[in-house]
Amino acid sequence: MSIIVNLDVMMAKRKISSSELAVKIDLSQANLSILKTNKAKAIRFSTLEAICKALSCQPGDILAFEEDDHIL
């Protein structure tokens, strides 16, 4: 089971660059890159709220659940 971050997809839909979004949400470009590349282990609700506000979207537009394919 894993959570997939589709931030890059939403950014493309809104035609906003990483540097522009980082400034809008007051996050370093390095931390934004970690989110975009699915390497983040956690996200603060305040950061998620800022992203949703900046991109005019819902958390479900950015986060998705993907079930693993292996059988136990």
PDB file of N, CA and C in Angstrom:
ATOM      1  N   MET A   1       0.849  -1.177   0.000  1.00  0.00           N
ATOM      2  CA  MET A   1       0.000   0.000   0.000  1.00  0.00           C
ATOM      3  C   MET A   1       0.892   1.237   0.000  1.00  0.00           C
ATOM      4  N   SER A   2       0.509   2.202  -0.797  1.00  0.00           N
ATOM      5  CA  SER A   2       1.291   3.430  -0.796  1.00  0.00           C
ATOM      6  C   SER A   2       0.432   4.606  -1.234  1.00  0.00           C
ATOM      7  N   ILE A   3       0.871   5.745  -0.782  1.00  0.00           N
ATOM      8  CA  ILE A   3       0.236   7.001  -1.165  1.00  0.00           C
ATOM      9  C   ILE A   3       1.079   7.609  -2.275  1.00  0.00           C
ATOM     10  N   ILE A   4       0.452   7.972  -3.348  1.00  0.00           N
ATOM     11  CA  ILE A   4       1.119   8.573  -4.494  1.00  0.00           C
ATOM     12  C   ILE A   4       0.827  10.072  -4.489  1.00  0.00           C
ATOM     13  N   VAL A   5       1.859  10.863  -4.691  1.00  0.00           N
ATOM     14  CA  VAL A   5       1.710  12.315  -4.748  1.00  0.00           C
ATOM     15  C   VAL A   5       1.700  12.728  -6.214  1.00  0.00           C
ATOM     16  N   ASN A   6       0.578  13.275  -6.660  1.00  0.00           N
ATOM     17  CA  ASN A   6       0.415  13.715  -8.046  1.00  0.00           C
ATOM     18  C   ASN A   6       0.562  15.229  -8.167  1.00  0.00           C
ATOM     19  N   LEU A   7       1.456  15.787  -7.391  1.00  0.00           N
ATOM     20  CA  LEU A   7       1.636  17.234  -7.381  1.00  0.00           C
ATOM     21  C   LEU A   7       2.089  17.754  -8.737  1.00  0.00           C
ATOM     22  N   ASP A   8       2.981  17.037  -9.396  1.00  0.00           N
ATOM     23  CA  ASP A   8       3.467  17.490 -10.696  1.00  0.00           C
ATOM     24  C   ASP A   8       2.345  17.560 -11.734  1.00  0.00           C
ATOM     25  N   VAL A   9       1.396  16.632 -11.645  1.00  0.00           N
ATOM     26  CA  VAL A   9       0.257  16.636 -12.572  1.00  0.00           C
ATOM     27  C   VAL A   9      -0.609  17.877 -12.351  1.00  0.00           C
ATOM     28  N   MET A  10      -0.902  18.174 -11.084  1.00  0.00           N
ATOM     29  CA  MET A  10      -1.735  19.337 -10.777  1.00  0.00           C
ATOM     30  C   MET A  10      -1.013  20.632 -11.128  1.00  0.00           C
ATOM     31  N   MET A  11       0.290  20.666 -10.922  1.00  0.00           N
ATOM     32  CA  MET A  11       1.060  21.854 -11.283  1.00  0.00           C
ATOM     33  C   MET A  11       1.015  22.080 -12.794  1.00  0.00           C
ATOM     34  N   ALA A  12       1.103  21.009 -13.560  1.00  0.00           N
ATOM     35  CA  ALA A  12       1.037  21.122 -15.021  1.00  0.00           C
ATOM     36  C   ALA A  12      -0.340  21.622 -15.451  1.00  0.00           C
ATOM     37  N   LYS A  13      -1.394  21.107 -14.817  1.00  0.00           N
ATOM     38  CA  LYS A  13      -2.754  21.555 -15.146  1.00  0.00           C
ATOM     39  C   LYS A  13      -2.941  23.038 -14.857  1.00  0.00           C
ATOM     40  N   ARG A  14      -2.294  23.513 -13.786  1.00  0.00           N
ATOM     41  CA  ARG A  14      -2.425  24.925 -13.387  1.00  0.00           C
ATOM     42  C   ARG A  14      -1.349  25.810 -14.010  1.00  0.00           C
ATOM     43  N   LYS A  15      -0.467  25.190 -14.778  1.00  0.00           N
ATOM     44  CA  LYS A  15       0.619  25.899 -15.469  1.00  0.00           C
ATOM     45  C   LYS A  15       1.430  26.770 -14.509  1.00  0.00           C
ATOM     46  N   ILE A  16       1.930  26.132 -13.449  1.00  0.00           N
ATOM     47  CA  ILE A  16       2.733  26.820 -12.454  1.00  0.00           C
ATOM     48  C   ILE A  16       4.059  26.077 -12.291  1.00  0.00           C
ATOM     49  N   SER A  17       5.137  26.815 -12.211  1.00  0.00           N
ATOM     50  CA  SER A  17       6.460  26.208 -12.070  1.00  0.00           C
ATOM     51  C   SER A  17       6.750  25.860 -10.615  1.00  0.00           C
ATOM     52  N   SER A  18       7.734  25.014 -10.422  1.00  0.00           N
ATOM     53  CA  SER A  18       8.135  24.637  -9.069  1.00  0.00           C
ATOM     54  C   SER A  18       8.595  25.848  -8.274  1.00  0.00           C
ATOM     55  N   SER A  19       9.393  26.685  -8.899  1.00  0.00           N
ATOM     56  CA  SER A  19       9.904  27.855  -8.176  1.00  0.00           C
ATOM     57  C   SER A  19       8.777  28.808  -7.795  1.00  0.00           C
ATOM     58  N   GLU A  20       7.809  28.989  -8.672  1.00  0.00           N
ATOM     59  CA  GLU A  20       6.675  29.867  -8.372  1.00  0.00           C
ATOM     60  C   GLU A  20       5.824  29.298  -7.236  1.00  0.00           C
ATOM     61  N   LEU A  21       5.557  27.995  -7.273  1.00  0.00           N
ATOM     62  CA  LEU A  21       4.766  27.371  -6.216  1.00  0.00           C
ATOM     63  C   LEU A  21       5.515  27.412  -4.892  1.00  0.00           C
ATOM     64  N   ALA A  22       6.808  27.146  -4.920  1.00  0.00           N
ATOM     65  CA  ALA A  22       7.604  27.169  -3.690  1.00  0.00           C
ATOM     66  C   ALA A  22       7.510  28.530  -3.006  1.00  0.00           C
ATOM     67  N   VAL A  23       7.573  29.590  -3.781  1.00  0.00           N
ATOM     68  CA  VAL A  23       7.459  30.944  -3.217  1.00  0.00           C
ATOM     69  C   VAL A  23       6.060  31.164  -2.656  1.00  0.00           C
ATOM     70  N   LYS A  24       5.032  30.757  -3.404  1.00  0.00           N
ATOM     71  CA  LYS A  24       3.645  30.959  -2.965  1.00  0.00           C
ATOM     72  C   LYS A  24       3.324  30.252  -1.656  1.00  0.00           C
ATOM     73  N   ILE A  25       3.891  29.061  -1.463  1.00  0.00           N
ATOM     74  CA  ILE A  25       3.558  28.284  -0.265  1.00  0.00           C
ATOM     75  C   ILE A  25       4.643  28.360   0.806  1.00  0.00           C
ATOM     76  N   ASP A  26       5.662  29.171   0.562  1.00  0.00           N
ATOM     77  CA  ASP A  26       6.757  29.369   1.514  1.00  0.00           C
ATOM     78  C   ASP A  26       7.423  28.047   1.886  1.00  0.00           C
ATOM     79  N   LEU A  27       7.856  27.313   0.856  1.00  0.00           N
ATOM     80  CA  LEU A  27       8.524  26.027   1.023  1.00  0.00           C
ATOM     81  C   LEU A  27       9.784  26.056   0.166  1.00  0.00           C
ATOM     82  N   SER A  28      10.841  25.444   0.628  1.00  0.00           N
ATOM     83  CA  SER A  28      12.071  25.427  -0.173  1.00  0.00           C
ATOM     84  C   SER A  28      11.845  24.575  -1.428  1.00  0.00           C
ATOM     85  N   GLN A  29      12.594  24.910  -2.473  1.00  0.00           N
ATOM     86  CA  GLN A  29      12.474  24.138  -3.706  1.00  0.00           C
ATOM     87  C   GLN A  29      12.921  22.698  -3.490  1.00  0.00           C
ATOM     88  N   ALA A  30      13.877  22.491  -2.588  1.00  0.00           N
ATOM     89  CA  ALA A  30      14.338  21.130  -2.290  1.00  0.00           C
ATOM     90  C   ALA A  30      13.213  20.301  -1.674  1.00  0.00           C
ATOM     91  N   ASN A  31      12.491  20.873  -0.702  1.00  0.00           N
ATOM     92  CA  ASN A  31      11.384  20.142  -0.075  1.00  0.00           C
ATOM     93  C   ASN A  31      10.228  19.935  -1.045  1.00  0.00           C
ATOM     94  N   LEU A  32       9.978  20.899  -1.904  1.00  0.00           N
ATOM     95  CA  LEU A  32       8.937  20.741  -2.918  1.00  0.00           C
ATOM     96  C   LEU A  32       9.322  19.613  -3.883  1.00  0.00           C
ATOM     97  N   SER A  33      10.584  19.535  -4.231  1.00  0.00           N
ATOM     98  CA  SER A  33      11.064  18.477  -5.114  1.00  0.00           C
ATOM     99  C   SER A  33      10.873  17.098  -4.475  1.00  0.00           C
ATOM    100  N   ILE A  34      11.114  16.999  -3.184  1.00  0.00           N
ATOM    101  CA  ILE A  34      10.909  15.738  -2.466  1.00  0.00           C
ATOM    102  C   ILE A  34       9.450  15.305  -2.556  1.00  0.00           C
ATOM    103  N   LEU A  35       8.534  16.260  -2.424  1.00  0.00           N
ATOM    104  CA  LEU A  35       7.103  15.956  -2.558  1.00  0.00           C
ATOM    105  C   LEU A  35       6.770  15.515  -3.980  1.00  0.00           C
ATOM    106  N   LYS A  36       7.260  16.256  -4.959  1.00  0.00           N
ATOM    107  CA  LYS A  36       6.938  15.969  -6.356  1.00  0.00           C
ATOM    108  C   LYS A  36       7.443  14.609  -6.820  1.00  0.00           C
ATOM    109  N   THR A  37       8.532  14.139  -6.242  1.00  0.00           N
ATOM    110  CA  THR A  37       9.133  12.887  -6.695  1.00  0.00           C
ATOM    111  C   THR A  37       8.736  11.689  -5.832  1.00  0.00           C
ATOM    112  N   ASN A  38       7.705  11.860  -5.018  1.00  0.00           N
ATOM    113  CA  ASN A  38       7.187  10.779  -4.167  1.00  0.00           C
ATOM    114  C   ASN A  38       8.220  10.245  -3.178  1.00  0.00           C
ATOM    115  N   LYS A  39       9.152  11.067  -2.753  1.00  0.00           N
ATOM    116  CA  LYS A  39      10.167  10.634  -1.795  1.00  0.00           C
ATOM    117  C   LYS A  39       9.839  11.078  -0.376  1.00  0.00           C
ATOM    118  N   ALA A  40       8.761  11.829  -0.209  1.00  0.00           N
ATOM    119  CA  ALA A  40       8.379  12.315   1.121  1.00  0.00           C
ATOM    120  C   ALA A  40       7.781  11.186   1.945  1.00  0.00           C
ATOM    121  N   LYS A  41       8.103  11.160   3.213  1.00  0.00           N
ATOM    122  CA  LYS A  41       7.533  10.182   4.138  1.00  0.00           C
ATOM    123  C   LYS A  41       6.314  10.750   4.848  1.00  0.00           C
ATOM    124  N   ALA A  42       6.171  12.073   4.833  1.00  0.00           N
ATOM    125  CA  ALA A  42       5.057  12.742   5.513  1.00  0.00           C
ATOM    126  C   ALA A  42       4.862  14.121   4.906  1.00  0.00           C
ATOM    127  N   ILE A  43       3.691  14.689   5.159  1.00  0.00           N
ATOM    128  CA  ILE A  43       3.414  16.064   4.753  1.00  0.00           C
ATOM    129  C   ILE A  43       2.577  16.702   5.855  1.00  0.00           C
ATOM    130  N   ARG A  44       2.929  17.903   6.219  1.00  0.00           N
ATOM    131  CA  ARG A  44       2.160  18.630   7.231  1.00  0.00           C
ATOM    132  C   ARG A  44       0.842  19.092   6.617  1.00  0.00           C
ATOM    133  N   PHE A  45      -0.203  19.067   7.433  1.00  0.00           N
ATOM    134  CA  PHE A  45      -1.492  19.546   6.946  1.00  0.00           C
ATOM    135  C   PHE A  45      -1.401  21.001   6.525  1.00  0.00           C
ATOM    136  N   SER A  46      -0.598  21.796   7.202  1.00  0.00           N
ATOM    137  CA  SER A  46      -0.460  23.214   6.835  1.00  0.00           C
ATOM    138  C   SER A  46       0.173  23.354   5.447  1.00  0.00           C
ATOM    139  N   THR A  47       1.105  22.471   5.114  1.00  0.00           N
ATOM    140  CA  THR A  47       1.714  22.491   3.778  1.00  0.00           C
ATOM    141  C   THR A  47       0.707  22.031   2.739  1.00  0.00           C
ATOM    142  N   LEU A  48      -0.037  20.978   3.040  1.00  0.00           N
ATOM    143  CA  LEU A  48      -1.062  20.488   2.124  1.00  0.00           C
ATOM    144  C   LEU A  48      -2.130  21.552   1.890  1.00  0.00           C
ATOM    145  N   GLU A  49      -2.517  22.236   2.955  1.00  0.00           N
ATOM    146  CA  GLU A  49      -3.495  23.317   2.835  1.00  0.00           C
ATOM    147  C   GLU A  49      -2.964  24.437   1.952  1.00  0.00           C
ATOM    148  N   ALA A  50      -1.713  24.815   2.142  1.00  0.00           N
ATOM    149  CA  ALA A  50      -1.116  25.887   1.338  1.00  0.00           C
ATOM    150  C   ALA A  50      -1.045  25.491  -0.140  1.00  0.00           C
ATOM    151  N   ILE A  51      -0.695  24.239  -0.410  1.00  0.00           N
ATOM    152  CA  ILE A  51      -0.638  23.757  -1.791  1.00  0.00           C
ATOM    153  C   ILE A  51      -2.025  23.800  -2.422  1.00  0.00           C
ATOM    154  N   CYS A  52      -3.028  23.302  -1.699  1.00  0.00           N
ATOM    155  CA  CYS A  52      -4.401  23.294  -2.221  1.00  0.00           C
ATOM    156  C   CYS A  52      -4.907  24.712  -2.475  1.00  0.00           C
ATOM    157  N   LYS A  53      -4.568  25.613  -1.581  1.00  0.00           N
ATOM    158  CA  LYS A  53      -4.989  27.004  -1.746  1.00  0.00           C
ATOM    159  C   LYS A  53      -4.315  27.623  -2.974  1.00  0.00           C
ATOM    160  N   ALA A  54      -3.018  27.396  -3.126  1.00  0.00           N
ATOM    161  CA  ALA A  54      -2.263  27.969  -4.245  1.00  0.00           C
ATOM    162  C   ALA A  54      -2.696  27.397  -5.589  1.00  0.00           C
ATOM    163  N   LEU A  55      -3.080  26.114  -5.601  1.00  0.00           N
ATOM    164  CA  LEU A  55      -3.456  25.460  -6.855  1.00  0.00           C
ATOM    165  C   LEU A  55      -4.967  25.371  -7.053  1.00  0.00           C
ATOM    166  N   SER A  56      -5.727  25.904  -6.111  1.00  0.00           N
ATOM    167  CA  SER A  56      -7.203  25.848  -6.173  1.00  0.00           C
ATOM    168  C   SER A  56      -7.677  24.419  -6.424  1.00  0.00           C
ATOM    169  N   CYS A  57      -7.274  23.521  -5.535  1.00  0.00           N
ATOM    170  CA  CYS A  57      -7.645  22.115  -5.693  1.00  0.00           C
ATOM    171  C   CYS A  57      -7.959  21.501  -4.339  1.00  0.00           C
ATOM    172  N   GLN A  58      -8.316  20.238  -4.339  1.00  0.00           N
ATOM    173  CA  GLN A  58      -8.611  19.474  -3.141  1.00  0.00           C
ATOM    174  C   GLN A  58      -7.445  18.521  -2.855  1.00  0.00           C
ATOM    175  N   PRO A  59      -7.278  18.092  -1.593  1.00  0.00           N
ATOM    176  CA  PRO A  59      -6.204  17.142  -1.283  1.00  0.00           C
ATOM    177  C   PRO A  59      -6.259  15.875  -2.145  1.00  0.00           C
ATOM    178  N   GLY A  60      -7.454  15.426  -2.473  1.00  0.00           N
ATOM    179  CA  GLY A  60      -7.605  14.242  -3.320  1.00  0.00           C
ATOM    180  C   GLY A  60      -7.125  14.444  -4.744  1.00  0.00           C
ATOM    181  N   ASP A  61      -6.964  15.696  -5.161  1.00  0.00           N
ATOM    182  CA  ASP A  61      -6.411  15.979  -6.490  1.00  0.00           C
ATOM    183  C   ASP A  61      -4.898  15.759  -6.495  1.00  0.00           C
ATOM    184  N   ILE A  62      -4.293  15.795  -5.314  1.00  0.00           N
ATOM    185  CA  ILE A  62      -2.841  15.694  -5.181  1.00  0.00           C
ATOM    186  C   ILE A  62      -2.413  14.325  -4.669  1.00  0.00           C
ATOM    187  N   LEU A  63      -3.202  13.743  -3.773  1.00  0.00           N
ATOM    188  CA  LEU A  63      -2.840  12.481  -3.146  1.00  0.00           C
ATOM    189  C   LEU A  63      -3.735  11.349  -3.647  1.00  0.00           C
ATOM    190  N   ALA A  64      -3.135  10.199  -3.887  1.00  0.00           N
ATOM    191  CA  ALA A  64      -3.889   9.022  -4.324  1.00  0.00           C
ATOM    192  C   ALA A  64      -3.357   7.797  -3.588  1.00  0.00           C
ATOM    193  N   PHE A  65      -4.238   6.839  -3.359  1.00  0.00           N
ATOM    194  CA  PHE A  65      -3.865   5.577  -2.711  1.00  0.00           C
ATOM    195  C   PHE A  65      -3.725   4.510  -3.777  1.00  0.00           C
ATOM    196  N   GLU A  66      -2.622   3.768  -3.729  1.00  0.00           N
ATOM    197  CA  GLU A  66      -2.390   2.688  -4.667  1.00  0.00           C
ATOM    198  C   GLU A  66      -2.059   1.421  -3.891  1.00  0.00           C
ATOM    199  N   GLU A  67      -2.858   0.393  -4.090  1.00  0.00           N
ATOM    200  CA  GLU A  67      -2.659  -0.866  -3.371  1.00  0.00           C
ATOM    201  C   GLU A  67      -1.547  -1.676  -4.037  1.00  0.00           C
ATOM    202  N   ASP A  68      -0.742  -2.331  -3.198  1.00  0.00           N
ATOM    203  CA  ASP A  68       0.324  -3.192  -3.724  1.00  0.00           C
ATOM    204  C   ASP A  68      -0.294  -4.412  -4.400  1.00  0.00           C
ATOM    205  N   ASP A  69       0.410  -4.944  -5.386  1.00  0.00           N
ATOM    206  CA  ASP A  69      -0.090  -6.077  -6.146  1.00  0.00           C
ATOM    207  C   ASP A  69       0.314  -7.431  -5.594  1.00  0.00           C
ATOM    208  N   HIS A  70       1.182  -7.456  -4.606  1.00  0.00           N
ATOM    209  CA  HIS A  70       1.660  -8.761  -4.114  1.00  0.00           C
ATOM    210  C   HIS A  70       0.607  -9.427  -3.227  1.00  0.00           C
ATOM    211  N   ILE A  71       0.640 -10.759  -3.214  1.00  0.00           N
ATOM    212  CA  ILE A  71      -0.294 -11.558  -2.425  1.00  0.00           C
ATOM    213  C   ILE A  71       0.436 -12.086  -1.197  1.00  0.00           C
ATOM    214  N   LEU A  72      -0.221 -11.999  -0.040  1.00  0.00           N
ATOM    215  CA  LEU A  72       0.391 -12.490   1.205  1.00  0.00           C
ATOM    216  C   LEU A  72       0.191 -13.971   1.372  1.00  0.00           C
TER     217      LEU A  72
END
